[in-house]
């Protein structure tokens, strides 16, 4: 590690293979916490390269506990986090709306690091069980249309990094990796990122795959469609600038999608929205993101997906999906 750190401190980059080996060595307890912290800190000070990101991703996918959900043709709806906006759990709500619309979802998530409440925080609070048992996860998909893949159960390589990330409390390059390392290897993705640079990195990583994907960055800083302004969206077919008007909805204010100050706040907002008791702004935001996921999976227009998402939310199908998942967790 000393050799790698000296090179990085001297403004050098490392190869994919070197990046991969560092993660493997971290998982094998070869570095102390100070060395890992220093390594993480380098990438807070400068941009990560495509080669470095590819190496980190490949290591985590190679070291993960894989889960075979191929016959469900599921989609993952996930953001990097780290945008500092502290919104409510938009991608998780969108996942249940998508599941309620008949599109299977394998939701990869974790506890919040730089936000009040990550996907796993609110799921745990509501009584959803985390498991890496394939039979249980397949049963969840079969009956609820969604399964929750809690990252620590599938990525043992992260055990030495997790406490350091919690203590730092700020975004690191591991935020970039989360959406890239779903252990079920889904072929459909809606991926939110926290800046334009990561949007480009993701598009480079995905452009040579056979996957269906939409990568999203809201130009005012959100790692999802926020409806607070325009968003850049890159897919396997095209690149476009999205506006709220594209879905026939109004632009909203930032405070309309605030996520609260505690996990309890986040859970209450979550339950209110999935019961159909959200504000117009909250409903439109979750349906805009779910609509993009539905469109990605069904290969239809975003506007068509948005209308299907609204039907899923307001008919109670999204809530029925959550209720079934909680029931299966007991």
C-alpha atoms as a PDB file:
ATOM      1  CA  UNK A   1       0.000   0.000   0.000  1.00  0.00           C
ATOM      2  CA  UNK A   2       2.873   2.406   0.746  1.00  0.00           C
ATOM      3  CA  UNK A   3       4.017   2.162  -2.890  1.00  0.00           C
ATOM      4  CA  UNK A   4       0.484   2.825  -4.200  1.00  0.00           C
ATOM      5  CA  UNK A   5      -0.083   5.718  -1.787  1.00  0.00           C
ATOM      6  CA  UNK A   6       3.186   7.389  -2.742  1.00  0.00           C
ATOM      7  CA  UNK A   7       2.240   7.226  -6.404  1.00  0.00           C
ATOM      8  CA  UNK A   8      -1.239   8.604  -5.752  1.00  0.00           C
ATOM      9  CA  UNK A   9       0.156  11.428  -3.584  1.00  0.00           C
ATOM     10  CA  UNK A  10       2.441  12.293  -6.505  1.00  0.00           C
ATOM     11  CA  UNK A  11      -0.679  12.751  -8.697  1.00  0.00           C
ATOM     12  CA  UNK A  12      -0.265   9.479 -10.573  1.00  0.00           C
ATOM     13  CA  UNK A  13      -3.180   7.215 -11.449  1.00  0.00           C
ATOM     14  CA  UNK A  14      -3.287   3.451 -11.069  1.00  0.00           C
ATOM     15  CA  UNK A  15      -4.285   0.755 -13.550  1.00  0.00           C
ATOM     16  CA  UNK A  16      -7.481  -1.324 -13.424  1.00  0.00           C
ATOM     17  CA  UNK A  17      -5.483  -4.318 -12.237  1.00  0.00           C
ATOM     18  CA  UNK A  18      -3.799  -2.315  -9.452  1.00  0.00           C
ATOM     19  CA  UNK A  19      -7.133  -0.844  -8.369  1.00  0.00           C
ATOM     20  CA  UNK A  20      -8.674  -4.315  -8.322  1.00  0.00           C
ATOM     21  CA  UNK A  21      -5.797  -5.684  -6.248  1.00  0.00           C
ATOM     22  CA  UNK A  22      -6.155  -2.942  -3.623  1.00  0.00           C
ATOM     23  CA  UNK A  23      -9.792  -3.933  -3.016  1.00  0.00           C
ATOM     24  CA  UNK A  24      -8.836  -7.619  -2.861  1.00  0.00           C
ATOM     25  CA  UNK A  25      -6.094  -6.777  -0.333  1.00  0.00           C
ATOM     26  CA  UNK A  26      -8.517  -4.703   1.757  1.00  0.00           C
ATOM     27  CA  UNK A  27     -10.867  -7.696   1.890  1.00  0.00           C
ATOM     28  CA  UNK A  28      -7.964  -9.898   2.998  1.00  0.00           C
ATOM     29  CA  UNK A  29      -7.133  -7.636   5.987  1.00  0.00           C
ATOM     30  CA  UNK A  30      -3.800  -6.612   4.490  1.00  0.00           C
ATOM     31  CA  UNK A  31      -4.116  -2.892   5.332  1.00  0.00           C
ATOM     32  CA  UNK A  32      -4.733  -1.001   8.557  1.00  0.00           C
ATOM     33  CA  UNK A  33      -7.560   1.560   8.941  1.00  0.00           C
ATOM     34  CA  UNK A  34      -5.195   4.520   8.529  1.00  0.00           C
ATOM     35  CA  UNK A  35      -3.972   3.211   5.173  1.00  0.00           C
ATOM     36  CA  UNK A  36      -7.519   2.591   3.965  1.00  0.00           C
ATOM     37  CA  UNK A  37      -8.589   6.077   5.093  1.00  0.00           C
ATOM     38  CA  UNK A  38      -5.660   7.633   3.268  1.00  0.00           C
ATOM     39  CA  UNK A  39      -6.492   5.666   0.127  1.00  0.00           C
ATOM     40  CA  UNK A  40     -10.134   6.792   0.233  1.00  0.00           C
ATOM     41  CA  UNK A  41      -9.063  10.386   0.857  1.00  0.00           C
ATOM     42  CA  UNK A  42      -7.012  10.579  -2.326  1.00  0.00           C
ATOM     43  CA  UNK A  43     -10.162  10.107  -4.393  1.00  0.00           C
ATOM     44  CA  UNK A  44     -11.957  12.841  -2.462  1.00  0.00           C
ATOM     45  CA  UNK A  45      -9.281  15.256  -3.675  1.00  0.00           C
ATOM     46  CA  UNK A  46      -9.172  14.283  -7.329  1.00  0.00           C
ATOM     47  CA  UNK A  47     -11.336  12.642  -9.971  1.00  0.00           C
ATOM     48  CA  UNK A  48     -11.360   8.889 -10.368  1.00  0.00           C
ATOM     49  CA  UNK A  49     -10.358   7.524 -13.782  1.00  0.00           C
ATOM     50  CA  UNK A  50     -12.386   5.048 -15.815  1.00  0.00           C
ATOM     51  CA  UNK A  51      -9.602   2.462 -15.361  1.00  0.00           C
ATOM     52  CA  UNK A  52      -9.602   2.877 -11.578  1.00  0.00           C
ATOM     53  CA  UNK A  53     -13.393   2.670 -11.349  1.00  0.00           C
ATOM     54  CA  UNK A  54     -13.445  -0.414 -13.577  1.00  0.00           C
ATOM     55  CA  UNK A  55     -10.854  -2.124 -11.359  1.00  0.00           C
ATOM     56  CA  UNK A  56     -12.753  -1.344  -8.155  1.00  0.00           C
ATOM     57  CA  UNK A  57     -16.012  -2.576  -9.714  1.00  0.00           C
ATOM     58  CA  UNK A  58     -14.462  -5.785 -11.059  1.00  0.00           C
ATOM     59  CA  UNK A  59     -12.982  -6.597  -7.663  1.00  0.00           C
ATOM     60  CA  UNK A  60     -16.270  -6.207  -5.814  1.00  0.00           C
ATOM     61  CA  UNK A  61     -18.186  -8.242  -8.403  1.00  0.00           C
ATOM     62  CA  UNK A  62     -15.567 -10.985  -8.266  1.00  0.00           C
ATOM     63  CA  UNK A  63     -15.617 -11.043  -4.459  1.00  0.00           C
ATOM     64  CA  UNK A  64     -19.399 -10.772  -4.012  1.00  0.00           C
ATOM     65  CA  UNK A  65     -21.800 -13.573  -3.121  1.00  0.00           C
ATOM     66  CA  UNK A  66     -23.709 -13.844  -6.424  1.00  0.00           C
ATOM     67  CA  UNK A  67     -27.441 -14.513  -6.529  1.00  0.00           C
ATOM     68  CA  UNK A  68     -29.195 -16.005  -9.558  1.00  0.00           C
ATOM     69  CA  UNK A  69     -32.421 -14.143 -10.345  1.00  0.00           C
ATOM     70  CA  UNK A  70     -31.996 -14.229 -14.118  1.00  0.00           C
ATOM     71  CA  UNK A  71     -35.401 -15.696 -14.920  1.00  0.00           C
ATOM     72  CA  UNK A  72     -37.135 -12.693 -13.304  1.00  0.00           C
ATOM     73  CA  UNK A  73     -35.550 -10.203 -15.754  1.00  0.00           C
ATOM     74  CA  UNK A  74     -35.470  -7.669 -12.920  1.00  0.00           C
ATOM     75  CA  UNK A  75     -34.414  -4.029 -12.894  1.00  0.00           C
ATOM     76  CA  UNK A  76     -32.406  -2.171 -10.251  1.00  0.00           C
ATOM     77  CA  UNK A  77     -33.317   1.436  -9.436  1.00  0.00           C
ATOM     78  CA  UNK A  78     -30.474   2.884  -7.421  1.00  0.00           C
ATOM     79  CA  UNK A  79     -28.538   6.094  -6.873  1.00  0.00           C
ATOM     80  CA  UNK A  80     -24.993   6.731  -5.793  1.00  0.00           C
ATOM     81  CA  UNK A  81     -26.099   8.939  -2.917  1.00  0.00           C
ATOM     82  CA  UNK A  82     -23.572  11.550  -1.938  1.00  0.00           C
ATOM     83  CA  UNK A  83     -25.465  14.423  -3.542  1.00  0.00           C
ATOM     84  CA  UNK A  84     -25.881  16.115  -0.146  1.00  0.00           C
ATOM     85  CA  UNK A  85     -29.539  16.923  -0.844  1.00  0.00           C
ATOM     86  CA  UNK A  86     -31.127  14.788   1.903  1.00  0.00           C
ATOM     87  CA  UNK A  87     -34.232  13.920  -0.105  1.00  0.00           C
ATOM     88  CA  UNK A  88     -36.707  11.283   1.012  1.00  0.00           C
ATOM     89  CA  UNK A  89     -36.114   7.726  -0.269  1.00  0.00           C
ATOM     90  CA  UNK A  90     -37.109   8.392  -3.876  1.00  0.00           C
ATOM     91  CA  UNK A  91     -35.434   5.416  -5.557  1.00  0.00           C
ATOM     92  CA  UNK A  92     -36.796   2.962  -2.966  1.00  0.00           C
ATOM     93  CA  UNK A  93     -40.355   4.262  -3.315  1.00  0.00           C
ATOM     94  CA  UNK A  94     -39.920   4.185  -7.086  1.00  0.00           C
ATOM     95  CA  UNK A  95     -38.896   0.541  -6.776  1.00  0.00           C
ATOM     96  CA  UNK A  96     -42.189  -0.423  -5.113  1.00  0.00           C
ATOM     97  CA  UNK A  97     -44.204   1.573  -7.632  1.00  0.00           C
ATOM     98  CA  UNK A  98     -42.320  -0.220 -10.415  1.00  0.00           C
ATOM     99  CA  UNK A  99     -42.972  -3.593  -8.777  1.00  0.00           C
ATOM    100  CA  UNK A 100     -46.653  -2.689  -8.407  1.00  0.00           C
ATOM    101  CA  UNK A 101     -46.715  -2.046 -12.155  1.00  0.00           C
ATOM    102  CA  UNK A 102     -45.633  -5.629 -12.825  1.00  0.00           C
ATOM    103  CA  UNK A 103     -41.926  -4.988 -13.442  1.00  0.00           C
ATOM    104  CA  UNK A 104     -39.704  -7.108 -11.193  1.00  0.00           C
ATOM    105  CA  UNK A 105     -37.135  -5.206  -9.114  1.00  0.00           C
ATOM    106  CA  UNK A 106     -33.935  -6.483  -7.473  1.00  0.00           C
ATOM    107  CA  UNK A 107     -33.176  -3.459  -5.288  1.00  0.00           C
ATOM    108  CA  UNK A 108     -29.560  -3.122  -4.207  1.00  0.00           C
ATOM    109  CA  UNK A 109     -29.123  -0.800  -1.231  1.00  0.00           C
ATOM    110  CA  UNK A 110     -27.346   0.018   1.990  1.00  0.00           C
ATOM    111  CA  UNK A 111     -27.552   2.119   5.122  1.00  0.00           C
ATOM    112  CA  UNK A 112     -27.094   5.847   4.655  1.00  0.00           C
ATOM    113  CA  UNK A 113     -23.538   7.098   4.974  1.00  0.00           C
ATOM    114  CA  UNK A 114     -23.707  10.738   3.903  1.00  0.00           C
ATOM    115  CA  UNK A 115     -27.517  11.044   4.210  1.00  0.00           C
ATOM    116  CA  UNK A 116     -29.967  10.731   7.106  1.00  0.00           C
ATOM    117  CA  UNK A 117     -31.648   7.577   5.844  1.00  0.00           C
ATOM    118  CA  UNK A 118     -30.448   5.183   3.178  1.00  0.00           C
ATOM    119  CA  UNK A 119     -32.625   2.588   1.482  1.00  0.00           C
ATOM    120  CA  UNK A 120     -31.748  -0.087   4.057  1.00  0.00           C
ATOM    121  CA  UNK A 121     -32.497   2.214   7.004  1.00  0.00           C
ATOM    122  CA  UNK A 122     -36.101   2.791   5.966  1.00  0.00           C
ATOM    123  CA  UNK A 123     -36.653  -0.830   4.866  1.00  0.00           C
ATOM    124  CA  UNK A 124     -35.379  -2.124   8.208  1.00  0.00           C
ATOM    125  CA  UNK A 125     -37.525   0.391  10.089  1.00  0.00           C
ATOM    126  CA  UNK A 126     -40.628  -0.842   8.243  1.00  0.00           C
ATOM    127  CA  UNK A 127     -39.901  -4.477   9.075  1.00  0.00           C
ATOM    128  CA  UNK A 128     -38.358  -5.810   5.869  1.00  0.00           C
ATOM    129  CA  UNK A 129     -35.978  -8.712   6.499  1.00  0.00           C
ATOM    130  CA  UNK A 130     -32.510  -8.668   4.940  1.00  0.00           C
ATOM    131  CA  UNK A 131     -31.313 -12.008   3.641  1.00  0.00           C
ATOM    132  CA  UNK A 132     -28.912 -13.473   1.092  1.00  0.00           C
ATOM    133  CA  UNK A 133     -30.891 -16.713   0.906  1.00  0.00           C
ATOM    134  CA  UNK A 134     -31.698 -17.281  -2.752  1.00  0.00           C
ATOM    135  CA  UNK A 135     -34.947 -19.162  -2.113  1.00  0.00           C
ATOM    136  CA  UNK A 136     -36.263 -16.343   0.094  1.00  0.00           C
ATOM    137  CA  UNK A 137     -35.295 -13.674  -2.435  1.00  0.00           C
ATOM    138  CA  UNK A 138     -36.905 -15.581  -5.286  1.00  0.00           C
ATOM    139  CA  UNK A 139     -40.066 -15.961  -3.195  1.00  0.00           C
ATOM    140  CA  UNK A 140     -40.077 -12.184  -2.613  1.00  0.00           C
ATOM    141  CA  UNK A 141     -39.820 -11.534  -6.342  1.00  0.00           C
ATOM    142  CA  UNK A 142     -42.446 -14.125  -7.153  1.00  0.00           C
ATOM    143  CA  UNK A 143     -45.014 -12.827  -4.646  1.00  0.00           C
ATOM    144  CA  UNK A 144     -44.155  -9.142  -4.120  1.00  0.00           C
ATOM    145  CA  UNK A 145     -42.400  -8.341  -7.409  1.00  0.00           C
ATOM    146  CA  UNK A 146     -39.392  -7.016  -5.518  1.00  0.00           C
ATOM    147  CA  UNK A 147     -36.512  -8.245  -3.378  1.00  0.00           C
ATOM    148  CA  UNK A 148     -34.108  -6.203  -1.252  1.00  0.00           C
ATOM    149  CA  UNK A 149     -30.403  -6.952  -1.664  1.00  0.00           C
ATOM    150  CA  UNK A 150     -28.797  -5.406   1.420  1.00  0.00           C
ATOM    151  CA  UNK A 151     -25.236  -4.759   0.247  1.00  0.00           C
ATOM    152  CA  UNK A 152     -23.269  -5.910   3.349  1.00  0.00           C
ATOM    153  CA  UNK A 153     -24.774  -9.406   3.067  1.00  0.00           C
ATOM    154  CA  UNK A 154     -23.413  -9.804  -0.460  1.00  0.00           C
ATOM    155  CA  UNK A 155     -20.154  -7.878  -0.266  1.00  0.00           C
ATOM    156  CA  UNK A 156     -18.015  -9.304   2.553  1.00  0.00           C
ATOM    157  CA  UNK A 157     -15.054  -7.441   1.024  1.00  0.00           C
ATOM    158  CA  UNK A 158     -16.606  -4.236   2.386  1.00  0.00           C
ATOM    159  CA  UNK A 159     -16.470  -5.239   6.055  1.00  0.00           C
ATOM    160  CA  UNK A 160     -13.174  -3.415   6.622  1.00  0.00           C
ATOM    161  CA  UNK A 161     -14.338  -0.284   4.810  1.00  0.00           C
ATOM    162  CA  UNK A 162     -17.843   0.112   6.270  1.00  0.00           C
ATOM    163  CA  UNK A 163     -16.803   1.430   9.731  1.00  0.00           C
ATOM    164  CA  UNK A 164     -14.362   3.891   8.131  1.00  0.00           C
ATOM    165  CA  UNK A 165     -17.058   5.185   5.771  1.00  0.00           C
ATOM    166  CA  UNK A 166     -19.434   5.620   8.724  1.00  0.00           C
ATOM    167  CA  UNK A 167     -16.825   7.527  10.726  1.00  0.00           C
ATOM    168  CA  UNK A 168     -15.937   9.777   7.783  1.00  0.00           C
ATOM    169  CA  UNK A 169     -19.616  10.462   7.030  1.00  0.00           C
ATOM    170  CA  UNK A 170     -18.887  11.888   3.574  1.00  0.00           C
ATOM    171  CA  UNK A 171     -19.115  10.463   0.091  1.00  0.00           C
ATOM    172  CA  UNK A 172     -16.209   8.344  -1.140  1.00  0.00           C
ATOM    173  CA  UNK A 173     -15.622   6.416  -4.354  1.00  0.00           C
ATOM    174  CA  UNK A 174     -17.623   3.577  -2.778  1.00  0.00           C
ATOM    175  CA  UNK A 175     -20.720   5.721  -3.400  1.00  0.00           C
ATOM    176  CA  UNK A 176     -19.905   5.416  -7.108  1.00  0.00           C
ATOM    177  CA  UNK A 177     -19.539   1.651  -6.808  1.00  0.00           C
ATOM    178  CA  UNK A 178     -22.812   0.774  -5.085  1.00  0.00           C
ATOM    179  CA  UNK A 179     -25.036   0.962  -8.188  1.00  0.00           C
ATOM    180  CA  UNK A 180     -22.450  -0.936 -10.273  1.00  0.00           C
ATOM    181  CA  UNK A 181     -22.175  -4.050  -8.111  1.00  0.00           C
ATOM    182  CA  UNK A 182     -25.668  -5.517  -7.750  1.00  0.00           C
ATOM    183  CA  UNK A 183     -24.927  -9.186  -6.914  1.00  0.00           C
ATOM    184  CA  UNK A 184     -27.850 -10.432  -9.040  1.00  0.00           C
ATOM    185  CA  UNK A 185     -26.266  -8.901 -12.178  1.00  0.00           C
ATOM    186  CA  UNK A 186     -29.561  -7.481 -13.525  1.00  0.00           C
ATOM    187  CA  UNK A 187     -29.823  -6.638 -17.216  1.00  0.00           C
ATOM    188  CA  UNK A 188     -31.969  -3.533 -16.636  1.00  0.00           C
ATOM    189  CA  UNK A 189     -30.907  -0.455 -14.683  1.00  0.00           C
ATOM    190  CA  UNK A 190     -31.915   3.054 -13.704  1.00  0.00           C
ATOM    191  CA  UNK A 191     -28.799   4.573 -12.177  1.00  0.00           C
ATOM    192  CA  UNK A 192     -28.619   7.973 -10.500  1.00  0.00           C
ATOM    193  CA  UNK A 193     -25.278   9.751 -10.113  1.00  0.00           C
ATOM    194  CA  UNK A 194     -24.131  12.833  -8.201  1.00  0.00           C
ATOM    195  CA  UNK A 195     -22.290  14.742 -10.929  1.00  0.00           C
ATOM    196  CA  UNK A 196     -21.765  14.978 -14.677  1.00  0.00           C
ATOM    197  CA  UNK A 197     -18.334  13.418 -14.500  1.00  0.00           C
ATOM    198  CA  UNK A 198     -19.689  10.225 -12.915  1.00  0.00           C
ATOM    199  CA  UNK A 199     -22.484  10.242 -15.497  1.00  0.00           C
ATOM    200  CA  UNK A 200     -19.825  10.025 -18.222  1.00  0.00           C
ATOM    201  CA  UNK A 201     -17.846   7.342 -16.373  1.00  0.00           C
ATOM    202  CA  UNK A 202     -20.965   5.212 -15.985  1.00  0.00           C
ATOM    203  CA  UNK A 203     -21.872   5.642 -19.641  1.00  0.00           C
ATOM    204  CA  UNK A 204     -18.379   4.464 -20.659  1.00  0.00           C
ATOM    205  CA  UNK A 205     -18.706   1.392 -18.421  1.00  0.00           C
ATOM    206  CA  UNK A 206     -22.157   0.457 -19.703  1.00  0.00           C
ATOM    207  CA  UNK A 207     -21.913   1.322 -23.391  1.00  0.00           C
ATOM    208  CA  UNK A 208     -20.252  -1.972 -24.304  1.00  0.00           C
ATOM    209  CA  UNK A 209     -22.813  -4.136 -22.493  1.00  0.00           C
ATOM    210  CA  UNK A 210     -26.068  -5.660 -23.715  1.00  0.00           C
ATOM    211  CA  UNK A 211     -27.967  -4.117 -20.780  1.00  0.00           C
ATOM    212  CA  UNK A 212     -30.922  -1.745 -20.906  1.00  0.00           C
ATOM    213  CA  UNK A 213     -30.084   1.309 -18.836  1.00  0.00           C
ATOM    214  CA  UNK A 214     -30.821   4.937 -18.115  1.00  0.00           C
ATOM    215  CA  UNK A 215     -28.212   6.927 -16.202  1.00  0.00           C
ATOM    216  CA  UNK A 216     -29.556  10.105 -14.597  1.00  0.00           C
ATOM    217  CA  UNK A 217     -28.075  13.299 -13.228  1.00  0.00           C
ATOM    218  CA  UNK A 218     -30.244  16.300 -12.331  1.00  0.00           C
ATOM    219  CA  UNK A 219     -28.283  19.379 -13.374  1.00  0.00           C
ATOM    220  CA  UNK A 220     -28.874  21.097 -10.027  1.00  0.00           C
ATOM    221  CA  UNK A 221     -27.105  18.262  -8.227  1.00  0.00           C
ATOM    222  CA  UNK A 222     -29.513  15.392  -7.538  1.00  0.00           C
ATOM    223  CA  UNK A 223     -28.716  11.726  -8.192  1.00  0.00           C
ATOM    224  CA  UNK A 224     -32.222  11.133  -9.599  1.00  0.00           C
ATOM    225  CA  UNK A 225     -34.953  12.934 -11.509  1.00  0.00           C
ATOM    226  CA  UNK A 226     -35.807  15.641  -8.983  1.00  0.00           C
ATOM    227  CA  UNK A 227     -38.255  17.762 -11.045  1.00  0.00           C
ATOM    228  CA  UNK A 228     -36.497  20.810  -9.550  1.00  0.00           C
ATOM    229  CA  UNK A 229     -35.050  21.487 -13.009  1.00  0.00           C
ATOM    230  CA  UNK A 230     -33.563  19.728 -15.995  1.00  0.00           C
ATOM    231  CA  UNK A 231     -31.775  16.388 -15.897  1.00  0.00           C
ATOM    232  CA  UNK A 232     -29.261  14.737 -18.197  1.00  0.00           C
ATOM    233  CA  UNK A 233     -30.205  11.166 -19.096  1.00  0.00           C
ATOM    234  CA  UNK A 234     -27.969   8.759 -21.015  1.00  0.00           C
ATOM    235  CA  UNK A 235     -29.371   5.405 -22.135  1.00  0.00           C
ATOM    236  CA  UNK A 236     -28.201   2.529 -24.301  1.00  0.00           C
ATOM    237  CA  UNK A 237     -30.141   4.187 -27.147  1.00  0.00           C
ATOM    238  CA  UNK A 238     -29.756   7.924 -26.744  1.00  0.00           C
ATOM    239  CA  UNK A 239     -28.671  10.954 -24.734  1.00  0.00           C
ATOM    240  CA  UNK A 240     -31.156  13.683 -23.845  1.00  0.00           C
ATOM    241  CA  UNK A 241     -31.942  16.639 -21.639  1.00  0.00           C
ATOM    242  CA  UNK A 242     -35.071  15.944 -19.600  1.00  0.00           C
ATOM    243  CA  UNK A 243     -37.470  18.658 -18.399  1.00  0.00           C
ATOM    244  CA  UNK A 244     -40.464  18.240 -16.040  1.00  0.00           C
ATOM    245  CA  UNK A 245     -42.610  19.565 -18.897  1.00  0.00           C
ATOM    246  CA  UNK A 246     -41.772  16.379 -20.844  1.00  0.00           C
ATOM    247  CA  UNK A 247     -44.134  14.562 -18.458  1.00  0.00           C
ATOM    248  CA  UNK A 248     -46.661  17.397 -18.337  1.00  0.00           C
ATOM    249  CA  UNK A 249     -45.810  18.311 -14.746  1.00  0.00           C
ATOM    250  CA  UNK A 250     -44.598  21.508 -13.121  1.00  0.00           C
ATOM    251  CA  UNK A 251     -41.123  22.246 -11.819  1.00  0.00           C
ATOM    252  CA  UNK A 252     -40.985  21.921  -8.018  1.00  0.00           C
ATOM    253  CA  UNK A 253     -39.007  23.536  -5.199  1.00  0.00           C
ATOM    254  CA  UNK A 254     -36.183  21.752  -3.417  1.00  0.00           C
ATOM    255  CA  UNK A 255     -37.923  21.795  -0.025  1.00  0.00           C
ATOM    256  CA  UNK A 256     -40.828  19.789  -1.497  1.00  0.00           C
ATOM    257  CA  UNK A 257     -38.690  16.636  -1.573  1.00  0.00           C
ATOM    258  CA  UNK A 258     -36.849  17.065   1.747  1.00  0.00           C
ATOM    259  CA  UNK A 259     -36.399  13.739   3.540  1.00  0.00           C
ATOM    260  CA  UNK A 260     -36.608  14.783   7.199  1.00  0.00           C
ATOM    261  CA  UNK A 261     -33.977  14.802   9.932  1.00  0.00           C
ATOM    262  CA  UNK A 262     -34.319  11.258  11.281  1.00  0.00           C
ATOM    263  CA  UNK A 263     -34.952   7.720  10.044  1.00  0.00           C
ATOM    264  CA  UNK A 264     -38.398   7.961  11.676  1.00  0.00           C
ATOM    265  CA  UNK A 265     -39.138  11.090   9.607  1.00  0.00           C
ATOM    266  CA  UNK A 266     -37.999   9.316   6.450  1.00  0.00           C
ATOM    267  CA  UNK A 267     -40.146   6.261   7.206  1.00  0.00           C
ATOM    268  CA  UNK A 268     -43.238   8.387   7.864  1.00  0.00           C
ATOM    269  CA  UNK A 269     -42.791  10.228   4.558  1.00  0.00           C
ATOM    270  CA  UNK A 270     -42.277   6.879   2.828  1.00  0.00           C
ATOM    271  CA  UNK A 271     -45.482   5.370   4.256  1.00  0.00           C
ATOM    272  CA  UNK A 272     -47.571   8.485   3.545  1.00  0.00           C
ATOM    273  CA  UNK A 273     -46.501   8.520  -0.102  1.00  0.00           C
ATOM    274  CA  UNK A 274     -46.969   4.793  -0.725  1.00  0.00           C
ATOM    275  CA  UNK A 275     -50.464   5.061   0.813  1.00  0.00           C
ATOM    276  CA  UNK A 276     -51.281   7.706  -1.797  1.00  0.00           C
ATOM    277  CA  UNK A 277     -51.213  10.499   0.775  1.00  0.00           C
ATOM    278  CA  UNK A 278     -48.124  12.268  -0.548  1.00  0.00           C
ATOM    279  CA  UNK A 279     -48.107  15.807  -1.861  1.00  0.00           C
ATOM    280  CA  UNK A 280     -48.436  16.399  -5.589  1.00  0.00           C
ATOM    281  CA  UNK A 281     -44.694  17.154  -5.769  1.00  0.00           C
ATOM    282  CA  UNK A 282     -43.748  13.965  -3.901  1.00  0.00           C
ATOM    283  CA  UNK A 283     -46.067  11.824  -6.026  1.00  0.00           C
ATOM    284  CA  UNK A 284     -44.793  13.302  -9.271  1.00  0.00           C
ATOM    285  CA  UNK A 285     -41.141  12.783  -8.313  1.00  0.00           C
ATOM    286  CA  UNK A 286     -41.529   9.117  -7.404  1.00  0.00           C
ATOM    287  CA  UNK A 287     -43.668   8.431 -10.466  1.00  0.00           C
ATOM    288  CA  UNK A 288     -41.190  10.226 -12.736  1.00  0.00           C
ATOM    289  CA  UNK A 289     -38.409   7.926 -11.514  1.00  0.00           C
ATOM    290  CA  UNK A 290     -40.561   4.786 -11.472  1.00  0.00           C
ATOM    291  CA  UNK A 291     -41.849   5.757 -14.905  1.00  0.00           C
ATOM    292  CA  UNK A 292     -38.303   5.821 -16.232  1.00  0.00           C
ATOM    293  CA  UNK A 293     -37.680   2.358 -14.766  1.00  0.00           C
ATOM    294  CA  UNK A 294     -40.876   0.978 -16.290  1.00  0.00           C
ATOM    295  CA  UNK A 295     -39.952   2.567 -19.625  1.00  0.00           C
ATOM    296  CA  UNK A 296     -36.446   1.084 -19.436  1.00  0.00           C
ATOM    297  CA  UNK A 297     -37.733  -2.409 -18.777  1.00  0.00           C
ATOM    298  CA  UNK A 298     -40.702  -2.356 -21.174  1.00  0.00           C
ATOM    299  CA  UNK A 299     -38.920  -0.318 -23.856  1.00  0.00           C
ATOM    300  CA  UNK A 300     -41.701   2.272 -24.010  1.00  0.00           C
ATOM    301  CA  UNK A 301     -41.653   6.071 -23.712  1.00  0.00           C
ATOM    302  CA  UNK A 302     -40.975   7.789 -20.397  1.00  0.00           C
ATOM    303  CA  UNK A 303     -44.406   9.467 -20.592  1.00  0.00           C
ATOM    304  CA  UNK A 304     -46.116   6.081 -20.976  1.00  0.00           C
ATOM    305  CA  UNK A 305     -44.079   4.724 -18.066  1.00  0.00           C
ATOM    306  CA  UNK A 306     -45.051   7.748 -15.959  1.00  0.00           C
ATOM    307  CA  UNK A 307     -48.772   7.090 -16.513  1.00  0.00           C
ATOM    308  CA  UNK A 308     -48.337   3.400 -15.603  1.00  0.00           C
ATOM    309  CA  UNK A 309     -46.427   4.444 -12.456  1.00  0.00           C
ATOM    310  CA  UNK A 310     -49.236   6.761 -11.359  1.00  0.00           C
ATOM    311  CA  UNK A 311     -51.750   3.952 -11.772  1.00  0.00           C
ATOM    312  CA  UNK A 312     -49.572   1.639  -9.658  1.00  0.00           C
ATOM    313  CA  UNK A 313     -49.302   4.224  -6.872  1.00  0.00           C
ATOM    314  CA  UNK A 314     -52.885   5.452  -6.747  1.00  0.00           C
ATOM    315  CA  UNK A 315     -54.513   2.039  -7.221  1.00  0.00           C
ATOM    316  CA  UNK A 316     -52.676   0.692  -4.163  1.00  0.00           C
ATOM    317  CA  UNK A 317     -50.616  -1.850  -6.121  1.00  0.00           C
ATOM    318  CA  UNK A 318     -47.337  -0.295  -4.934  1.00  0.00           C
ATOM    319  CA  UNK A 319     -48.467  -0.485  -1.297  1.00  0.00           C
ATOM    320  CA  UNK A 320     -49.627  -4.087  -1.808  1.00  0.00           C
ATOM    321  CA  UNK A 321     -46.100  -4.915  -2.976  1.00  0.00           C
ATOM    322  CA  UNK A 322     -44.613  -3.396   0.203  1.00  0.00           C
ATOM    323  CA  UNK A 323     -47.207  -5.117   2.417  1.00  0.00           C
ATOM    324  CA  UNK A 324     -46.419  -8.501   0.834  1.00  0.00           C
ATOM    325  CA  UNK A 325     -42.671  -7.999   1.309  1.00  0.00           C
ATOM    326  CA  UNK A 326     -43.182  -7.148   4.994  1.00  0.00           C
ATOM    327  CA  UNK A 327     -45.449 -10.199   5.377  1.00  0.00           C
ATOM    328  CA  UNK A 328     -42.823 -12.476   3.804  1.00  0.00           C
ATOM    329  CA  UNK A 329     -40.250 -11.052   6.220  1.00  0.00           C
ATOM    330  CA  UNK A 330     -42.113 -12.291   9.303  1.00  0.00           C
END
